């Protein structure tokens, strides 16, 4: 099993230590460094070489957005998750514009935090599930889909799964609602990704919003 090496950037030492303890309950996650401000994080990034950076937005010296931009200039492949109290669309879209691959709220439960880390480590964008609807204004940034590709490509069950996925539900929750197994949900999601030519749940949600699937 590969270990995901994390760099934590959070100015409150108690929160930083709490996140470290929470993450390291997972066998495949290890926090290898922690810093209290954005400037130090930028200066130490190349030395630490983390797999994933978990970055607070409200930081002294350099804020998390500024630090993200500078780290991405150092390493265009840097995988950064923004950890924040801000639920505004403005912060979310700014973070994505600067190259962040994840955006989660500080009050999220441990499952969301761990899922975000693993998703971003595997090159998948991860947005706080209940903020998926905030991406409605972002659809113009996605390349136009071919005119003959629509929700008609999907089966009735796949449409049901996509609608629930767009609401930010996890696989287990979708399985419970539709009275099917979690494995079946995963199979449907794989089929949806293939048919819509998308790479992850966020892109699928954007597609569904753009085409008014689930309204």
N, C-alpha and C. Protein backbone atom coordinates (compact mmCIF):
# COMPACT_ATOMS: atom_id res chain seq x y z
N UNK A 1 0.84 -1.20 0.00
CA UNK A 1 0.00 0.00 0.00
C UNK A 1 0.88 1.25 0.00
N UNK A 2 0.61 2.16 -0.95
CA UNK A 2 1.36 3.40 -1.02
C UNK A 2 0.91 4.35 0.09
N UNK A 3 1.86 5.09 0.65
CA UNK A 3 1.54 6.06 1.69
C UNK A 3 1.41 7.44 1.07
N UNK A 4 0.31 8.13 1.37
CA UNK A 4 0.09 9.49 0.88
C UNK A 4 0.74 10.46 1.87
N UNK A 5 1.72 11.20 1.40
CA UNK A 5 2.50 12.10 2.25
C UNK A 5 1.89 13.50 2.21
N UNK A 6 1.50 13.99 3.39
CA UNK A 6 0.76 15.24 3.48
C UNK A 6 1.59 16.36 4.09
N UNK A 7 1.45 17.56 3.52
CA UNK A 7 1.97 18.77 4.14
C UNK A 7 0.77 19.61 4.59
N UNK A 8 0.69 19.91 5.89
CA UNK A 8 -0.40 20.69 6.47
C UNK A 8 0.02 22.15 6.63
N UNK A 9 -0.82 23.06 6.15
CA UNK A 9 -0.53 24.49 6.33
C UNK A 9 -1.74 25.12 7.02
N UNK A 10 -1.58 25.38 8.31
CA UNK A 10 -2.68 25.87 9.17
C UNK A 10 -2.06 26.67 10.31
N UNK A 11 -2.54 27.90 10.51
CA UNK A 11 -1.88 28.76 11.49
C UNK A 11 -2.21 28.44 12.94
N UNK A 12 -3.31 27.75 13.19
CA UNK A 12 -3.65 27.37 14.57
C UNK A 12 -3.05 26.01 14.90
N UNK A 13 -2.14 25.99 15.85
CA UNK A 13 -1.40 24.77 16.15
C UNK A 13 -2.31 23.63 16.62
N UNK A 14 -3.35 23.96 17.38
CA UNK A 14 -4.25 22.92 17.87
C UNK A 14 -5.02 22.27 16.72
N UNK A 15 -5.47 23.10 15.78
CA UNK A 15 -6.18 22.56 14.61
C UNK A 15 -5.23 21.73 13.77
N UNK A 16 -4.01 22.24 13.61
CA UNK A 16 -3.01 21.52 12.81
C UNK A 16 -2.73 20.15 13.42
N UNK A 17 -2.58 20.10 14.73
CA UNK A 17 -2.31 18.82 15.40
C UNK A 17 -3.53 17.91 15.33
N UNK A 18 -4.72 18.50 15.46
CA UNK A 18 -5.94 17.69 15.38
C UNK A 18 -6.11 17.06 14.01
N UNK A 19 -5.83 17.83 12.96
CA UNK A 19 -5.91 17.30 11.60
C UNK A 19 -4.89 16.19 11.39
N UNK A 20 -3.70 16.39 11.93
CA UNK A 20 -2.65 15.38 11.81
C UNK A 20 -3.10 14.06 12.44
N UNK A 21 -3.62 14.14 13.65
CA UNK A 21 -4.06 12.93 14.34
C UNK A 21 -5.20 12.26 13.60
N UNK A 22 -6.12 13.07 13.08
CA UNK A 22 -7.27 12.53 12.35
C UNK A 22 -6.83 11.82 11.08
N UNK A 23 -5.96 12.46 10.32
CA UNK A 23 -5.50 11.87 9.06
C UNK A 23 -4.70 10.60 9.29
N UNK A 24 -3.89 10.60 10.34
CA UNK A 24 -3.01 9.45 10.57
C UNK A 24 -3.72 8.27 11.22
N UNK A 25 -5.03 8.39 11.41
CA UNK A 25 -5.82 7.21 11.77
C UNK A 25 -5.94 6.26 10.58
N UNK A 26 -5.68 6.81 9.39
CA UNK A 26 -5.73 6.02 8.16
C UNK A 26 -4.35 5.40 7.90
N UNK A 27 -4.34 4.13 7.55
CA UNK A 27 -3.07 3.43 7.35
C UNK A 27 -2.26 3.97 6.17
N UNK A 28 -2.95 4.58 5.20
CA UNK A 28 -2.26 5.00 3.98
C UNK A 28 -1.95 6.50 3.95
N UNK A 29 -2.11 7.19 5.07
CA UNK A 29 -1.86 8.64 5.10
C UNK A 29 -0.86 8.98 6.20
N UNK A 30 0.12 9.83 5.85
CA UNK A 30 1.15 10.24 6.81
C UNK A 30 1.40 11.74 6.65
N UNK A 31 1.29 12.49 7.73
CA UNK A 31 1.61 13.91 7.71
C UNK A 31 3.11 14.07 7.94
N UNK A 32 3.80 14.59 6.94
CA UNK A 32 5.27 14.66 7.02
C UNK A 32 5.77 16.05 7.38
N UNK A 33 4.89 17.06 7.30
CA UNK A 33 5.32 18.42 7.65
C UNK A 33 4.09 19.28 7.94
N UNK A 34 4.28 20.28 8.81
CA UNK A 34 3.21 21.22 9.11
C UNK A 34 3.78 22.61 9.30
N UNK A 35 3.12 23.61 8.71
CA UNK A 35 3.62 24.99 8.79
C UNK A 35 2.48 25.94 9.15
N UNK A 36 2.81 27.04 9.86
CA UNK A 36 1.78 27.96 10.35
C UNK A 36 1.45 29.12 9.42
N UNK A 37 2.17 29.25 8.31
CA UNK A 37 1.89 30.38 7.42
C UNK A 37 2.22 30.02 5.97
N UNK A 38 1.66 30.80 5.06
CA UNK A 38 1.82 30.51 3.64
C UNK A 38 3.23 30.70 3.13
N UNK A 39 3.93 31.72 3.63
CA UNK A 39 5.28 31.99 3.12
C UNK A 39 6.23 30.83 3.44
N UNK A 40 6.16 30.32 4.66
CA UNK A 40 7.01 29.19 5.03
C UNK A 40 6.67 27.97 4.19
N UNK A 41 5.39 27.76 3.94
CA UNK A 41 4.96 26.62 3.13
C UNK A 41 5.56 26.69 1.73
N UNK A 42 5.55 27.88 1.15
CA UNK A 42 6.13 28.06 -0.19
C UNK A 42 7.63 27.80 -0.16
N UNK A 43 8.30 28.35 0.84
CA UNK A 43 9.76 28.20 0.95
C UNK A 43 10.17 26.75 1.17
N UNK A 44 9.37 25.99 1.90
CA UNK A 44 9.73 24.62 2.27
C UNK A 44 9.18 23.56 1.31
N UNK A 45 8.31 23.96 0.39
CA UNK A 45 7.63 22.97 -0.45
C UNK A 45 8.61 22.06 -1.20
N UNK A 46 9.59 22.65 -1.86
CA UNK A 46 10.52 21.84 -2.66
C UNK A 46 11.35 20.90 -1.81
N UNK A 47 11.61 21.30 -0.57
CA UNK A 47 12.37 20.45 0.35
C UNK A 47 11.51 19.29 0.86
N UNK A 48 10.27 19.58 1.18
CA UNK A 48 9.37 18.56 1.74
C UNK A 48 8.88 17.59 0.67
N UNK A 49 8.55 18.11 -0.51
CA UNK A 49 8.05 17.31 -1.63
C UNK A 49 6.87 16.42 -1.23
N UNK A 50 5.77 17.03 -0.76
CA UNK A 50 4.61 16.23 -0.34
C UNK A 50 3.83 15.70 -1.54
N UNK A 51 3.04 14.68 -1.30
CA UNK A 51 2.12 14.20 -2.34
C UNK A 51 0.90 15.11 -2.44
N UNK A 52 0.43 15.57 -1.29
CA UNK A 52 -0.76 16.43 -1.22
C UNK A 52 -0.51 17.52 -0.18
N UNK A 53 -0.93 18.75 -0.50
CA UNK A 53 -0.87 19.86 0.44
C UNK A 53 -2.30 20.17 0.90
N UNK A 54 -2.48 20.24 2.21
CA UNK A 54 -3.77 20.64 2.79
C UNK A 54 -3.57 22.06 3.32
N UNK A 55 -4.21 23.03 2.67
CA UNK A 55 -3.89 24.44 2.87
C UNK A 55 -5.09 25.25 3.36
N UNK A 56 -4.94 25.88 4.52
CA UNK A 56 -5.97 26.81 4.98
C UNK A 56 -5.93 28.06 4.09
N UNK A 57 -7.07 28.72 3.92
CA UNK A 57 -7.08 29.95 3.13
C UNK A 57 -6.63 31.14 3.96
N UNK A 58 -7.13 31.26 5.18
CA UNK A 58 -6.80 32.41 6.03
C UNK A 58 -5.50 32.17 6.79
N UNK A 59 -4.41 32.62 6.18
CA UNK A 59 -3.08 32.42 6.76
C UNK A 59 -2.35 33.75 6.89
N UNK A 60 -1.47 33.88 7.88
CA UNK A 60 -0.63 35.08 7.97
C UNK A 60 0.49 35.04 6.93
N UNK A 61 1.12 36.17 6.73
CA UNK A 61 2.24 36.30 5.81
C UNK A 61 1.77 36.23 4.37
N UNK A 62 1.45 35.05 3.90
CA UNK A 62 0.79 34.86 2.60
C UNK A 62 -0.48 34.07 2.87
N UNK A 63 -1.61 34.48 2.28
CA UNK A 63 -2.80 33.67 2.50
C UNK A 63 -2.75 32.40 1.65
N UNK A 64 -3.67 31.50 1.88
CA UNK A 64 -3.62 30.21 1.21
C UNK A 64 -3.75 30.28 -0.29
N UNK A 65 -4.52 31.24 -0.79
CA UNK A 65 -4.67 31.39 -2.24
C UNK A 65 -3.37 31.86 -2.86
N UNK A 66 -2.72 32.84 -2.23
CA UNK A 66 -1.44 33.33 -2.73
C UNK A 66 -0.38 32.24 -2.67
N UNK A 67 -0.36 31.49 -1.58
CA UNK A 67 0.61 30.40 -1.44
C UNK A 67 0.37 29.32 -2.48
N UNK A 68 -0.90 29.03 -2.75
CA UNK A 68 -1.23 28.03 -3.77
C UNK A 68 -0.70 28.45 -5.13
N UNK A 69 -0.90 29.71 -5.48
CA UNK A 69 -0.42 30.22 -6.76
C UNK A 69 1.09 30.09 -6.88
N UNK A 70 1.82 30.44 -5.81
CA UNK A 70 3.28 30.37 -5.85
C UNK A 70 3.79 28.94 -5.89
N UNK A 71 3.15 28.06 -5.13
CA UNK A 71 3.56 26.65 -5.14
C UNK A 71 3.33 26.04 -6.52
N UNK A 72 2.23 26.41 -7.17
CA UNK A 72 1.95 25.89 -8.51
C UNK A 72 2.96 26.41 -9.53
N UNK A 73 3.55 27.56 -9.26
CA UNK A 73 4.61 28.06 -10.14
C UNK A 73 5.89 27.26 -9.94
N UNK A 74 6.12 26.83 -8.70
CA UNK A 74 7.28 25.99 -8.40
C UNK A 74 7.09 24.59 -8.99
N UNK A 75 5.88 24.07 -8.83
CA UNK A 75 5.56 22.71 -9.26
C UNK A 75 4.16 22.71 -9.87
N UNK A 76 4.11 22.67 -11.20
CA UNK A 76 2.80 22.73 -11.89
C UNK A 76 1.94 21.51 -11.62
N UNK A 77 2.54 20.45 -11.08
CA UNK A 77 1.79 19.24 -10.76
C UNK A 77 1.39 19.16 -9.28
N UNK A 78 1.65 20.22 -8.53
CA UNK A 78 1.32 20.22 -7.10
C UNK A 78 -0.16 19.95 -6.88
N UNK A 79 -0.44 19.10 -5.90
CA UNK A 79 -1.82 18.72 -5.58
C UNK A 79 -2.21 19.40 -4.27
N UNK A 80 -3.07 20.39 -4.38
CA UNK A 80 -3.40 21.23 -3.22
C UNK A 80 -4.89 21.20 -2.94
N UNK A 81 -5.23 20.98 -1.67
CA UNK A 81 -6.62 21.03 -1.21
C UNK A 81 -6.77 22.24 -0.31
N UNK A 82 -7.75 23.09 -0.62
CA UNK A 82 -8.03 24.24 0.23
C UNK A 82 -8.95 23.81 1.37
N UNK A 83 -8.56 24.17 2.58
CA UNK A 83 -9.35 23.87 3.78
C UNK A 83 -9.80 25.22 4.34
N UNK A 84 -11.12 25.45 4.42
CA UNK A 84 -11.58 26.79 4.69
C UNK A 84 -12.92 26.84 5.41
N UNK A 85 -13.23 28.02 5.93
CA UNK A 85 -14.56 28.27 6.49
C UNK A 85 -15.46 28.93 5.45
N UNK A 86 -14.88 29.32 4.33
CA UNK A 86 -15.61 30.09 3.32
C UNK A 86 -16.42 29.19 2.40
N UNK A 87 -17.72 29.40 2.37
CA UNK A 87 -18.59 28.62 1.51
C UNK A 87 -19.04 29.44 0.29
N UNK A 88 -18.44 30.63 0.10
CA UNK A 88 -18.83 31.46 -1.04
C UNK A 88 -18.27 30.92 -2.34
N UNK A 89 -19.05 31.11 -3.40
CA UNK A 89 -18.63 30.68 -4.73
C UNK A 89 -17.34 31.39 -5.15
N UNK A 90 -17.19 32.66 -4.75
CA UNK A 90 -16.02 33.45 -5.14
C UNK A 90 -14.72 32.78 -4.72
N UNK A 91 -14.67 32.33 -3.48
CA UNK A 91 -13.46 31.67 -2.98
C UNK A 91 -13.22 30.34 -3.70
N UNK A 92 -14.30 29.59 -3.90
CA UNK A 92 -14.19 28.30 -4.57
C UNK A 92 -13.62 28.46 -5.97
N UNK A 93 -14.20 29.37 -6.76
CA UNK A 93 -13.76 29.55 -8.14
C UNK A 93 -12.35 30.12 -8.21
N UNK A 94 -12.01 31.01 -7.28
CA UNK A 94 -10.66 31.57 -7.24
C UNK A 94 -9.64 30.47 -6.96
N UNK A 95 -9.96 29.60 -6.01
CA UNK A 95 -9.06 28.49 -5.68
C UNK A 95 -8.85 27.58 -6.89
N UNK A 96 -9.94 27.27 -7.60
CA UNK A 96 -9.82 26.42 -8.79
C UNK A 96 -9.02 27.11 -9.88
N UNK A 97 -9.24 28.42 -10.05
CA UNK A 97 -8.50 29.17 -11.06
C UNK A 97 -7.00 29.15 -10.79
N UNK A 98 -6.64 29.14 -9.51
CA UNK A 98 -5.22 29.17 -9.14
C UNK A 98 -4.58 27.79 -9.14
N UNK A 99 -5.38 26.76 -9.41
CA UNK A 99 -4.82 25.42 -9.55
C UNK A 99 -5.09 24.46 -8.42
N UNK A 100 -5.88 24.87 -7.42
CA UNK A 100 -6.23 23.93 -6.35
C UNK A 100 -7.06 22.79 -6.94
N UNK A 101 -6.84 21.59 -6.43
CA UNK A 101 -7.58 20.42 -6.91
C UNK A 101 -8.69 20.00 -5.96
N UNK A 102 -8.71 20.60 -4.77
CA UNK A 102 -9.73 20.25 -3.80
C UNK A 102 -10.18 21.47 -3.02
N UNK A 103 -11.41 21.42 -2.51
CA UNK A 103 -11.95 22.53 -1.73
C UNK A 103 -12.93 21.96 -0.73
N UNK A 104 -12.56 21.98 0.56
CA UNK A 104 -13.44 21.42 1.59
C UNK A 104 -13.55 22.38 2.76
N UNK A 105 -14.63 22.26 3.51
CA UNK A 105 -14.89 23.13 4.64
C UNK A 105 -14.31 22.56 5.92
N UNK A 106 -13.90 23.45 6.82
CA UNK A 106 -13.25 23.01 8.06
C UNK A 106 -14.16 22.17 8.94
N UNK A 107 -15.47 22.40 8.84
CA UNK A 107 -16.37 21.64 9.70
C UNK A 107 -16.76 20.29 9.11
N UNK A 108 -16.13 19.93 7.98
CA UNK A 108 -16.44 18.64 7.35
C UNK A 108 -16.07 17.49 8.27
N UNK A 109 -16.80 16.38 8.12
CA UNK A 109 -16.45 15.22 8.94
C UNK A 109 -15.22 14.52 8.37
N UNK A 110 -14.69 13.59 9.11
CA UNK A 110 -13.43 12.94 8.74
C UNK A 110 -13.54 12.19 7.42
N UNK A 111 -14.72 11.66 7.10
CA UNK A 111 -14.88 10.92 5.85
C UNK A 111 -14.64 11.81 4.65
N UNK A 112 -15.16 13.04 4.70
CA UNK A 112 -14.96 13.99 3.61
C UNK A 112 -13.49 14.36 3.48
N UNK A 113 -12.84 14.62 4.60
CA UNK A 113 -11.42 14.97 4.60
C UNK A 113 -10.57 13.88 3.97
N UNK A 114 -10.78 12.65 4.40
CA UNK A 114 -10.00 11.52 3.90
C UNK A 114 -10.32 11.26 2.43
N UNK A 115 -11.59 11.34 2.06
CA UNK A 115 -11.97 11.12 0.66
C UNK A 115 -11.34 12.18 -0.23
N UNK A 116 -11.29 13.42 0.25
CA UNK A 116 -10.68 14.50 -0.52
C UNK A 116 -9.20 14.23 -0.75
N UNK A 117 -8.49 13.83 0.30
CA UNK A 117 -7.06 13.55 0.19
C UNK A 117 -6.81 12.42 -0.81
N UNK A 118 -7.55 11.35 -0.70
CA UNK A 118 -7.34 10.21 -1.60
C UNK A 118 -7.72 10.55 -3.04
N UNK A 119 -8.78 11.32 -3.22
CA UNK A 119 -9.21 11.69 -4.57
C UNK A 119 -8.17 12.57 -5.25
N UNK A 120 -7.70 13.58 -4.55
CA UNK A 120 -6.71 14.49 -5.13
C UNK A 120 -5.39 13.77 -5.38
N UNK A 121 -5.01 12.89 -4.47
CA UNK A 121 -3.80 12.09 -4.67
C UNK A 121 -3.89 11.29 -5.97
N UNK A 122 -5.11 10.85 -6.30
CA UNK A 122 -5.34 10.07 -7.53
C UNK A 122 -5.73 10.95 -8.71
N UNK A 123 -5.35 12.23 -8.63
CA UNK A 123 -5.53 13.18 -9.74
C UNK A 123 -6.99 13.48 -10.06
N UNK A 124 -7.85 13.40 -9.06
CA UNK A 124 -9.25 13.74 -9.24
C UNK A 124 -9.58 15.01 -8.46
N UNK A 125 -10.32 15.90 -9.09
CA UNK A 125 -10.78 17.10 -8.40
C UNK A 125 -11.80 16.70 -7.34
N UNK A 126 -11.72 17.35 -6.17
CA UNK A 126 -12.69 17.05 -5.11
C UNK A 126 -13.24 18.36 -4.55
N UNK A 127 -14.56 18.53 -4.67
CA UNK A 127 -15.24 19.70 -4.13
C UNK A 127 -16.18 19.25 -3.02
N UNK A 128 -16.22 20.02 -1.93
CA UNK A 128 -17.16 19.74 -0.84
C UNK A 128 -18.52 19.35 -1.42
N UNK A 129 -19.02 18.15 -1.09
CA UNK A 129 -20.26 17.66 -1.71
C UNK A 129 -21.41 18.65 -1.71
N UNK A 130 -21.65 19.34 -0.60
CA UNK A 130 -22.80 20.24 -0.57
C UNK A 130 -22.54 21.57 -1.27
N UNK A 131 -21.36 21.72 -1.90
CA UNK A 131 -21.06 22.92 -2.67
C UNK A 131 -21.10 22.65 -4.16
N UNK A 132 -21.50 21.45 -4.55
CA UNK A 132 -21.51 21.09 -5.97
C UNK A 132 -22.35 22.07 -6.79
N UNK A 133 -23.44 22.55 -6.22
CA UNK A 133 -24.31 23.46 -6.96
C UNK A 133 -23.64 24.80 -7.25
N UNK A 134 -22.60 25.13 -6.48
CA UNK A 134 -21.89 26.39 -6.70
C UNK A 134 -21.15 26.40 -8.03
N UNK A 135 -21.02 25.23 -8.64
CA UNK A 135 -20.29 25.15 -9.90
C UNK A 135 -21.17 25.48 -11.10
N UNK A 136 -22.41 25.87 -10.85
CA UNK A 136 -23.34 26.13 -11.95
C UNK A 136 -22.81 27.22 -12.88
N UNK A 137 -22.12 28.23 -12.34
CA UNK A 137 -21.61 29.32 -13.18
C UNK A 137 -20.27 28.97 -13.82
N UNK A 138 -19.76 27.80 -13.49
CA UNK A 138 -18.44 27.41 -14.00
C UNK A 138 -18.55 26.59 -15.27
N UNK A 139 -19.75 26.20 -15.65
CA UNK A 139 -19.88 25.27 -16.77
C UNK A 139 -19.34 25.85 -18.07
N UNK A 140 -19.32 27.19 -18.22
CA UNK A 140 -18.82 27.81 -19.44
C UNK A 140 -17.33 27.55 -19.62
N UNK A 141 -16.67 27.17 -18.54
CA UNK A 141 -15.24 26.90 -18.61
C UNK A 141 -14.95 25.50 -19.13
N UNK A 142 -15.97 24.69 -19.18
CA UNK A 142 -15.79 23.32 -19.66
C UNK A 142 -15.98 23.30 -21.17
N UNK A 143 -15.16 22.58 -21.87
CA UNK A 143 -15.27 22.50 -23.33
C UNK A 143 -16.67 22.05 -23.74
N UNK A 144 -17.17 22.65 -24.81
CA UNK A 144 -18.50 22.29 -25.29
C UNK A 144 -18.52 20.82 -25.68
N UNK A 145 -19.59 20.16 -25.28
CA UNK A 145 -19.72 18.75 -25.62
C UNK A 145 -20.29 18.61 -27.02
N UNK A 146 -20.05 17.48 -27.62
CA UNK A 146 -20.58 17.23 -28.97
C UNK A 146 -22.10 17.30 -28.94
N UNK A 147 -22.67 17.83 -30.02
CA UNK A 147 -24.11 18.09 -30.03
C UNK A 147 -24.94 16.82 -29.91
N UNK A 148 -24.39 15.70 -30.29
CA UNK A 148 -25.18 14.46 -30.24
C UNK A 148 -25.02 13.72 -28.93
N UNK A 149 -24.27 14.32 -27.97
CA UNK A 149 -24.08 13.65 -26.69
C UNK A 149 -25.01 14.27 -25.67
N UNK A 150 -25.87 13.52 -25.09
CA UNK A 150 -26.84 14.04 -24.13
C UNK A 150 -27.17 12.98 -23.12
N UNK A 151 -28.07 13.36 -22.21
CA UNK A 151 -28.47 12.41 -21.19
C UNK A 151 -29.18 11.19 -21.76
N UNK A 152 -29.60 11.28 -23.04
CA UNK A 152 -30.26 10.13 -23.67
C UNK A 152 -29.31 8.95 -23.82
N UNK A 153 -28.00 9.22 -23.70
CA UNK A 153 -27.03 8.13 -23.76
C UNK A 153 -27.11 7.25 -22.51
N UNK A 154 -27.66 7.79 -21.45
CA UNK A 154 -27.67 7.08 -20.17
C UNK A 154 -28.95 6.27 -19.99
N UNK A 155 -28.80 5.16 -19.29
CA UNK A 155 -29.97 4.35 -18.96
C UNK A 155 -30.77 5.05 -17.85
N UNK A 156 -31.98 4.58 -17.61
CA UNK A 156 -32.81 5.17 -16.56
C UNK A 156 -32.09 5.12 -15.21
N UNK A 157 -31.48 3.98 -14.91
CA UNK A 157 -30.79 3.84 -13.63
C UNK A 157 -29.57 4.75 -13.54
N UNK A 158 -28.84 4.88 -14.65
CA UNK A 158 -27.68 5.77 -14.66
C UNK A 158 -28.09 7.22 -14.45
N UNK A 159 -29.24 7.60 -15.01
CA UNK A 159 -29.76 8.95 -14.78
C UNK A 159 -30.08 9.17 -13.31
N UNK A 160 -30.67 8.15 -12.68
CA UNK A 160 -30.99 8.25 -11.26
C UNK A 160 -29.73 8.42 -10.43
N UNK A 161 -28.70 7.64 -10.76
CA UNK A 161 -27.43 7.73 -10.04
C UNK A 161 -26.79 9.10 -10.25
N UNK A 162 -26.81 9.60 -11.49
CA UNK A 162 -26.21 10.90 -11.79
C UNK A 162 -26.91 12.03 -11.04
N UNK A 163 -28.23 11.97 -10.96
CA UNK A 163 -28.98 13.01 -10.24
C UNK A 163 -28.58 13.04 -8.76
N UNK A 164 -28.42 11.86 -8.16
CA UNK A 164 -28.04 11.79 -6.75
C UNK A 164 -26.59 12.19 -6.54
N UNK A 165 -25.73 11.80 -7.49
CA UNK A 165 -24.32 12.19 -7.43
C UNK A 165 -24.18 13.71 -7.46
N UNK A 166 -25.00 14.36 -8.28
CA UNK A 166 -24.95 15.82 -8.41
C UNK A 166 -25.35 16.51 -7.12
N UNK A 167 -26.15 15.85 -6.30
CA UNK A 167 -26.55 16.40 -5.00
C UNK A 167 -25.46 16.25 -3.94
N UNK A 168 -24.34 15.60 -4.34
CA UNK A 168 -23.22 15.45 -3.42
C UNK A 168 -23.28 14.21 -2.56
N UNK A 169 -24.15 13.26 -2.91
CA UNK A 169 -24.26 12.04 -2.10
C UNK A 169 -23.10 11.09 -2.37
N UNK A 170 -22.69 10.37 -1.36
CA UNK A 170 -21.64 9.37 -1.48
C UNK A 170 -22.21 8.08 -2.05
N UNK A 171 -21.34 7.19 -2.50
CA UNK A 171 -21.80 5.94 -3.11
C UNK A 171 -22.71 5.14 -2.19
N UNK A 172 -22.34 5.07 -0.91
CA UNK A 172 -23.14 4.30 0.04
C UNK A 172 -24.54 4.89 0.19
N UNK A 173 -24.62 6.22 0.21
CA UNK A 173 -25.91 6.88 0.34
C UNK A 173 -26.78 6.65 -0.90
N UNK A 174 -26.16 6.70 -2.07
CA UNK A 174 -26.88 6.43 -3.32
C UNK A 174 -27.41 5.00 -3.32
N UNK A 175 -26.56 4.08 -2.88
CA UNK A 175 -26.95 2.66 -2.83
C UNK A 175 -28.16 2.46 -1.93
N UNK A 176 -28.17 3.12 -0.78
CA UNK A 176 -29.29 2.99 0.16
C UNK A 176 -30.58 3.54 -0.42
N UNK A 177 -30.49 4.66 -1.11
CA UNK A 177 -31.69 5.29 -1.68
C UNK A 177 -32.28 4.44 -2.81
N UNK A 178 -31.40 3.87 -3.64
CA UNK A 178 -31.86 3.12 -4.81
C UNK A 178 -32.02 1.62 -4.54
N UNK A 179 -31.70 1.21 -3.31
CA UNK A 179 -31.81 -0.21 -2.92
C UNK A 179 -30.96 -1.11 -3.83
N UNK A 180 -29.74 -0.67 -4.07
CA UNK A 180 -28.80 -1.47 -4.84
C UNK A 180 -27.49 -1.52 -4.05
N UNK A 181 -26.56 -2.37 -4.48
CA UNK A 181 -25.30 -2.50 -3.76
C UNK A 181 -24.37 -1.34 -4.10
N UNK A 182 -23.41 -1.10 -3.20
CA UNK A 182 -22.43 -0.05 -3.45
C UNK A 182 -21.58 -0.37 -4.68
N UNK A 183 -21.31 -1.66 -4.89
CA UNK A 183 -20.55 -2.07 -6.08
C UNK A 183 -21.31 -1.73 -7.35
N UNK A 184 -22.63 -1.95 -7.33
CA UNK A 184 -23.45 -1.62 -8.51
C UNK A 184 -23.42 -0.12 -8.77
N UNK A 185 -23.45 0.68 -7.71
CA UNK A 185 -23.35 2.13 -7.86
C UNK A 185 -22.03 2.50 -8.54
N UNK A 186 -20.94 1.90 -8.08
CA UNK A 186 -19.62 2.18 -8.67
C UNK A 186 -19.60 1.82 -10.16
N UNK A 187 -20.24 0.70 -10.50
CA UNK A 187 -20.30 0.29 -11.91
C UNK A 187 -21.09 1.29 -12.74
N UNK A 188 -22.21 1.77 -12.19
CA UNK A 188 -23.01 2.77 -12.90
C UNK A 188 -22.22 4.06 -13.09
N UNK A 189 -21.49 4.47 -12.05
CA UNK A 189 -20.72 5.71 -12.14
C UNK A 189 -19.61 5.58 -13.19
N UNK A 190 -18.96 4.44 -13.24
CA UNK A 190 -17.93 4.21 -14.26
C UNK A 190 -18.53 4.32 -15.65
N UNK A 191 -19.73 3.76 -15.82
CA UNK A 191 -20.41 3.82 -17.12
C UNK A 191 -20.80 5.26 -17.47
N UNK A 192 -21.25 6.01 -16.47
CA UNK A 192 -21.61 7.42 -16.68
C UNK A 192 -20.39 8.22 -17.13
N UNK A 193 -19.26 8.03 -16.43
CA UNK A 193 -18.02 8.73 -16.79
C UNK A 193 -17.64 8.43 -18.24
N UNK A 194 -17.74 7.15 -18.61
CA UNK A 194 -17.35 6.75 -19.96
C UNK A 194 -18.27 7.37 -21.01
N UNK A 195 -19.57 7.29 -20.77
CA UNK A 195 -20.54 7.80 -21.76
C UNK A 195 -20.50 9.32 -21.91
N UNK A 196 -20.25 10.02 -20.82
CA UNK A 196 -20.22 11.48 -20.87
C UNK A 196 -18.82 12.03 -21.12
N UNK A 197 -17.84 11.13 -21.17
CA UNK A 197 -16.45 11.51 -21.40
C UNK A 197 -15.96 12.50 -20.35
N UNK A 198 -16.21 12.15 -19.08
CA UNK A 198 -15.72 12.96 -17.96
C UNK A 198 -14.79 12.10 -17.11
N UNK A 199 -13.99 12.77 -16.28
CA UNK A 199 -12.96 12.06 -15.52
C UNK A 199 -13.31 11.83 -14.06
N UNK A 200 -14.20 12.63 -13.50
CA UNK A 200 -14.49 12.49 -12.08
C UNK A 200 -15.90 12.98 -11.75
N UNK A 201 -16.26 12.90 -10.48
CA UNK A 201 -17.61 13.24 -10.03
C UNK A 201 -17.93 14.72 -10.25
N UNK A 202 -16.93 15.57 -10.06
CA UNK A 202 -17.15 17.00 -10.23
C UNK A 202 -17.51 17.33 -11.67
N UNK A 203 -16.77 16.76 -12.62
CA UNK A 203 -17.07 17.01 -14.02
C UNK A 203 -18.44 16.45 -14.40
N UNK A 204 -18.79 15.30 -13.83
CA UNK A 204 -20.11 14.73 -14.09
C UNK A 204 -21.21 15.64 -13.55
N UNK A 205 -20.98 16.22 -12.36
CA UNK A 205 -21.96 17.13 -11.77
C UNK A 205 -22.12 18.39 -12.62
N UNK A 206 -21.00 18.92 -13.12
CA UNK A 206 -21.06 20.10 -13.98
C UNK A 206 -21.86 19.79 -15.24
N UNK A 207 -21.62 18.62 -15.82
CA UNK A 207 -22.36 18.21 -17.02
C UNK A 207 -23.85 18.14 -16.72
N UNK A 208 -24.20 17.54 -15.59
CA UNK A 208 -25.61 17.39 -15.22
C UNK A 208 -26.27 18.75 -15.01
N UNK A 209 -25.54 19.68 -14.37
CA UNK A 209 -26.08 21.02 -14.14
C UNK A 209 -26.27 21.75 -15.47
N UNK A 210 -25.28 21.64 -16.35
CA UNK A 210 -25.35 22.32 -17.64
C UNK A 210 -26.53 21.85 -18.47
N UNK A 211 -26.82 20.55 -18.38
CA UNK A 211 -27.90 19.97 -19.19
C UNK A 211 -29.19 19.79 -18.41
N UNK A 212 -29.25 20.44 -17.24
CA UNK A 212 -30.48 20.44 -16.43
C UNK A 212 -30.96 19.03 -16.08
N UNK A 213 -30.02 18.13 -15.86
CA UNK A 213 -30.39 16.77 -15.43
C UNK A 213 -30.62 16.80 -13.93
N UNK A 214 -31.78 16.41 -13.52
CA UNK A 214 -32.08 16.37 -12.10
C UNK A 214 -32.92 17.54 -11.63
N UNK A 215 -33.25 18.46 -12.55
CA UNK A 215 -34.12 19.58 -12.17
C UNK A 215 -35.53 19.10 -11.87
